[in-house]
Amino acid sequence: SKVLVAGENAPARQGLVNSYRQQFGTGFRFIGGKELRAAFEGADARAARKAAEEFTTNALRVVEPTPQEIYSGLRFYLGLQNLLKEQQANAITIDCFGTLAANTLPGYPCIAWSKLNDAGLYGVCEADIPSTMTQMLVTSYAEVPGFVTDPVFDTSRNEVIHAHCVSATRMKGLNGPSSPYIIRNHLETNEGAVLQVIMPVGDTVTVARFADPR
């Protein structure tokens, strides 16, 4: 595997990347906001418009996002697809909040992550290297996509809530059916376009976290 790590602070993650590369042979390449912008602008605008229309039509409903936010999400997805092919990589993770703060994020990658994960590739939030390694391990082994979560423990109900602004839709497996989805804004920023996936119920789920190898 080869992972593209996008952000404005590569040195902060260099030690972790070196450890994974040494112990598991995983390839990594750091890229910056300029390459993300170039990928976005290099994507076919007409194809992105058509993809956005199809994506919107297939949704149960759209709650907050504007058509422009949905279009930007699909154009970013097409651009990231091209970037992965050019770099011969199968995974990408972006420091979303860091690139937002630096004003170098051309569109929200949340839709791209959902669609890449549905296809057996890997789009991961927040330049989270251990979660990227986890998804590559579990999906390739089980042929079921995954997504990053921020777990919340409800001890009064003996439950754990696993949620994030990204989820695959093919939670029955890469060749399984797609779950229905609602198009929403990104929770913390109230902008962009993300999927609220209506998950299957009654299934067993696997929760994993690849250990820090250092």
Protein backbone atom coordinates (compact mmCIF):
# COMPACT_ATOMS: atom_id res chain seq x y z
CA SER A 1 0.00 0.00 0.00
CA LYS A 2 0.94 3.62 -0.48
CA VAL A 3 -0.61 6.41 1.59
CA LEU A 4 -0.79 10.08 0.65
CA VAL A 5 -0.72 12.27 3.77
CA ALA A 6 -1.96 15.79 3.06
CA GLY A 7 -1.44 18.70 5.43
CA GLU A 8 0.63 21.72 6.34
CA ASN A 9 2.63 20.18 9.20
CA ALA A 10 4.39 17.08 7.88
CA PRO A 11 7.19 17.03 10.51
CA ALA A 12 4.64 16.36 13.27
CA ARG A 13 3.80 13.00 11.67
CA GLN A 14 7.20 12.07 10.26
CA GLY A 15 8.29 9.88 13.17
CA LEU A 16 5.07 7.83 13.12
CA VAL A 17 5.25 7.40 9.36
CA ASN A 18 8.87 6.27 9.57
CA SER A 19 7.94 3.62 12.16
CA TYR A 20 5.11 2.19 10.07
CA ARG A 21 7.28 2.22 6.95
CA GLN A 22 10.11 0.40 8.74
CA GLN A 23 7.97 -2.25 10.42
CA PHE A 24 5.37 -2.96 7.73
CA GLY A 25 6.81 -1.68 4.45
CA THR A 26 3.95 0.73 3.84
CA GLY A 27 4.75 3.56 1.45
CA PHE A 28 3.97 7.16 2.39
CA ARG A 29 4.19 10.50 0.62
CA PHE A 30 3.48 13.89 2.16
CA ILE A 31 1.65 16.43 0.00
CA GLY A 32 0.42 19.96 0.69
CA GLY A 33 -2.55 22.15 0.02
CA LYS A 34 -1.23 23.25 -3.38
CA GLU A 35 -1.43 19.67 -4.65
CA LEU A 36 -4.95 19.32 -3.27
CA ARG A 37 -5.98 22.52 -5.02
CA ALA A 38 -4.39 21.35 -8.28
CA ALA A 39 -6.24 18.02 -8.05
CA PHE A 40 -9.53 19.83 -7.47
CA GLU A 41 -9.03 22.26 -10.34
CA GLY A 42 -7.82 19.49 -12.64
CA ALA A 43 -11.03 17.49 -12.24
CA ASP A 44 -13.55 17.72 -15.06
CA ALA A 45 -16.14 20.33 -14.02
CA ARG A 46 -18.87 18.90 -16.27
CA ALA A 47 -18.35 15.38 -14.94
CA ALA A 48 -18.43 16.74 -11.39
CA ARG A 49 -21.71 18.56 -12.07
CA LYS A 50 -23.27 15.38 -13.45
CA ALA A 51 -21.96 13.33 -10.49
CA ALA A 52 -23.37 15.88 -8.04
CA GLU A 53 -26.79 15.72 -9.67
CA GLU A 54 -26.80 11.92 -9.51
CA PHE A 55 -25.54 11.92 -5.93
CA THR A 56 -28.30 14.35 -4.90
CA THR A 57 -31.02 12.42 -6.75
CA ASN A 58 -30.04 9.18 -4.99
CA ALA A 59 -30.14 10.74 -1.51
CA LEU A 60 -33.17 10.34 0.75
CA ARG A 61 -33.07 14.12 1.15
CA VAL A 62 -30.77 17.10 1.41
CA VAL A 63 -30.96 18.99 4.71
CA GLU A 64 -28.42 21.83 4.90
CA PRO A 65 -25.88 21.81 2.02
CA THR A 66 -26.19 24.05 -1.00
CA PRO A 67 -25.85 22.65 -4.54
CA GLN A 68 -22.44 24.34 -4.72
CA GLU A 69 -21.21 22.54 -1.58
CA ILE A 70 -22.34 19.20 -3.00
CA TYR A 71 -20.72 19.99 -6.34
CA SER A 72 -17.44 20.92 -4.63
CA GLY A 73 -17.48 17.63 -2.73
CA LEU A 74 -17.94 15.58 -5.91
CA ARG A 75 -15.34 17.57 -7.85
CA PHE A 76 -12.87 17.02 -5.02
CA TYR A 77 -13.66 13.30 -5.15
CA LEU A 78 -12.90 13.14 -8.88
CA GLY A 79 -9.70 15.12 -8.33
CA LEU A 80 -8.55 12.83 -5.51
CA GLN A 81 -9.27 9.79 -7.68
CA ASN A 82 -6.95 11.22 -10.33
CA LEU A 83 -4.32 12.07 -7.71
CA LEU A 84 -4.33 8.51 -6.34
CA LYS A 85 -3.85 7.12 -9.85
CA GLU A 86 -1.03 9.55 -10.62
CA GLN A 87 0.77 8.70 -7.39
CA GLN A 88 0.00 4.95 -7.63
CA ALA A 89 -1.49 5.14 -4.12
CA ASN A 90 -4.52 3.38 -2.69
CA ALA A 91 -5.02 5.53 0.42
CA ILE A 92 -5.18 9.21 1.29
CA THR A 93 -5.70 11.05 4.57
CA ILE A 94 -6.00 14.83 4.91
CA ASP A 95 -5.44 17.12 7.89
CA CYS A 96 -8.86 18.64 7.26
CA PHE A 97 -8.88 21.23 10.04
CA GLY A 98 -5.27 22.20 9.44
CA THR A 99 -5.85 22.79 5.74
CA LEU A 100 -9.07 24.67 6.53
CA ALA A 101 -7.14 26.96 8.87
CA ALA A 102 -4.46 27.49 6.22
CA ASN A 103 -7.18 28.19 3.63
CA THR A 104 -5.79 25.50 1.31
CA LEU A 105 -8.70 23.01 1.37
CA PRO A 106 -10.54 23.40 -1.97
CA GLY A 107 -13.58 21.40 -0.87
CA TYR A 108 -14.68 19.07 1.89
CA PRO A 109 -13.33 15.53 1.32
CA CYS A 110 -16.09 13.78 3.28
CA ILE A 111 -18.05 12.57 0.23
CA ALA A 112 -14.79 11.43 -1.37
CA TRP A 113 -13.94 9.34 1.69
CA SER A 114 -17.34 7.61 1.63
CA LYS A 115 -17.08 6.80 -2.08
CA LEU A 116 -13.43 5.67 -1.91
CA ASN A 117 -14.15 3.42 1.09
CA ASP A 118 -17.15 1.92 -0.72
CA ALA A 119 -14.79 1.02 -3.59
CA GLY A 120 -12.26 -0.78 -1.37
CA LEU A 121 -9.83 2.14 -1.33
CA TYR A 122 -9.06 4.27 1.69
CA GLY A 123 -10.07 7.84 2.44
CA VAL A 124 -9.43 8.76 6.06
CA CYS A 125 -10.10 11.87 8.13
CA GLU A 126 -7.72 14.24 9.91
CA ALA A 127 -4.37 12.86 8.66
CA ASP A 128 -4.94 10.04 11.17
CA ILE A 129 -2.13 7.60 10.35
CA PRO A 130 -3.09 4.80 12.82
CA SER A 131 -6.70 4.86 11.60
CA THR A 132 -5.51 4.70 8.00
CA MET A 133 -3.40 1.65 8.82
CA THR A 134 -6.38 0.12 10.63
CA GLN A 135 -8.70 0.57 7.66
CA MET A 136 -6.15 -0.92 5.27
CA LEU A 137 -5.70 -3.94 7.52
CA VAL A 138 -9.36 -4.65 8.33
CA THR A 139 -10.90 -3.88 4.93
CA SER A 140 -8.36 -5.94 3.00
CA TYR A 141 -8.87 -8.84 5.43
CA ALA A 142 -12.66 -8.76 5.81
CA GLU A 143 -13.69 -7.05 2.53
CA VAL A 144 -15.90 -4.74 4.57
CA PRO A 145 -15.25 -0.98 4.54
CA GLY A 146 -14.76 1.05 7.67
CA PHE A 147 -14.68 4.61 8.87
CA VAL A 148 -13.06 6.70 11.60
CA THR A 149 -15.15 7.22 14.74
CA ASP A 150 -15.13 9.32 17.87
CA PRO A 151 -16.62 6.78 20.33
CA VAL A 152 -18.97 8.00 23.04
CA PHE A 153 -19.68 5.63 25.94
CA ASP A 154 -23.19 5.70 27.44
CA THR A 155 -22.79 3.66 30.61
CA SER A 156 -26.44 4.17 31.59
CA ARG A 157 -27.53 2.16 28.54
CA ASN A 158 -24.44 -0.05 28.18
CA GLU A 159 -23.92 1.33 24.69
CA VAL A 160 -21.18 2.88 22.61
CA ILE A 161 -21.99 5.42 19.92
CA HIS A 162 -19.55 5.33 16.98
CA ALA A 163 -20.02 8.37 14.77
CA HIS A 164 -18.08 10.70 12.48
CA CYS A 165 -18.77 12.95 9.50
CA VAL A 166 -17.72 10.12 7.18
CA SER A 167 -19.12 6.66 6.64
CA ALA A 168 -19.09 4.12 3.87
CA THR A 169 -22.50 2.99 2.61
CA ARG A 170 -21.59 -0.62 1.75
CA MET A 171 -21.49 -1.76 5.35
CA LYS A 172 -22.59 -5.29 4.38
CA GLY A 173 -19.41 -5.69 2.33
CA LEU A 174 -17.72 -4.20 -0.71
CA ASN A 175 -19.98 -6.20 -3.03
CA GLY A 176 -23.08 -5.68 -0.91
CA PRO A 177 -25.93 -3.19 -1.23
CA SER A 178 -25.55 0.49 -0.47
CA SER A 179 -27.38 1.88 2.56
CA PRO A 180 -29.58 4.94 2.07
CA TYR A 181 -28.12 8.31 3.01
CA ILE A 182 -29.05 11.90 3.80
CA ILE A 183 -26.81 14.78 2.72
CA ARG A 184 -25.87 17.01 5.64
CA ASN A 185 -23.41 19.76 6.60
CA HIS A 186 -20.17 18.92 8.41
CA LEU A 187 -21.12 19.00 12.09
CA GLU A 188 -18.37 21.13 13.63
CA THR A 189 -18.20 23.76 10.88
CA ASN A 190 -21.79 23.85 9.58
CA GLU A 191 -20.62 23.84 5.98
CA GLY A 192 -19.59 21.41 3.27
CA ALA A 193 -21.46 18.21 2.36
CA VAL A 194 -21.28 14.86 4.17
CA LEU A 195 -23.28 11.63 4.31
CA GLN A 196 -25.55 10.65 7.16
CA VAL A 197 -25.80 6.93 6.42
CA ILE A 198 -28.83 4.96 7.63
CA MET A 199 -26.94 1.94 8.96
CA PRO A 200 -28.14 -1.68 8.99
CA VAL A 201 -29.34 -2.78 12.42
CA GLY A 202 -28.76 -5.97 14.36
CA ASP A 203 -25.37 -6.71 12.83
CA THR A 204 -22.09 -7.47 14.57
CA VAL A 205 -19.45 -4.77 14.09
CA THR A 206 -15.69 -4.82 14.57
CA VAL A 207 -13.95 -1.95 16.31
CA ALA A 208 -10.17 -1.79 15.89
CA ARG A 209 -7.24 0.51 16.41
CA PHE A 210 -3.78 -0.16 14.96
CA ALA A 211 -1.22 0.30 17.73
CA ASP A 212 1.45 2.99 17.51
CA PRO A 213 4.57 1.01 16.53
CA ARG A 214 7.05 3.34 18.20
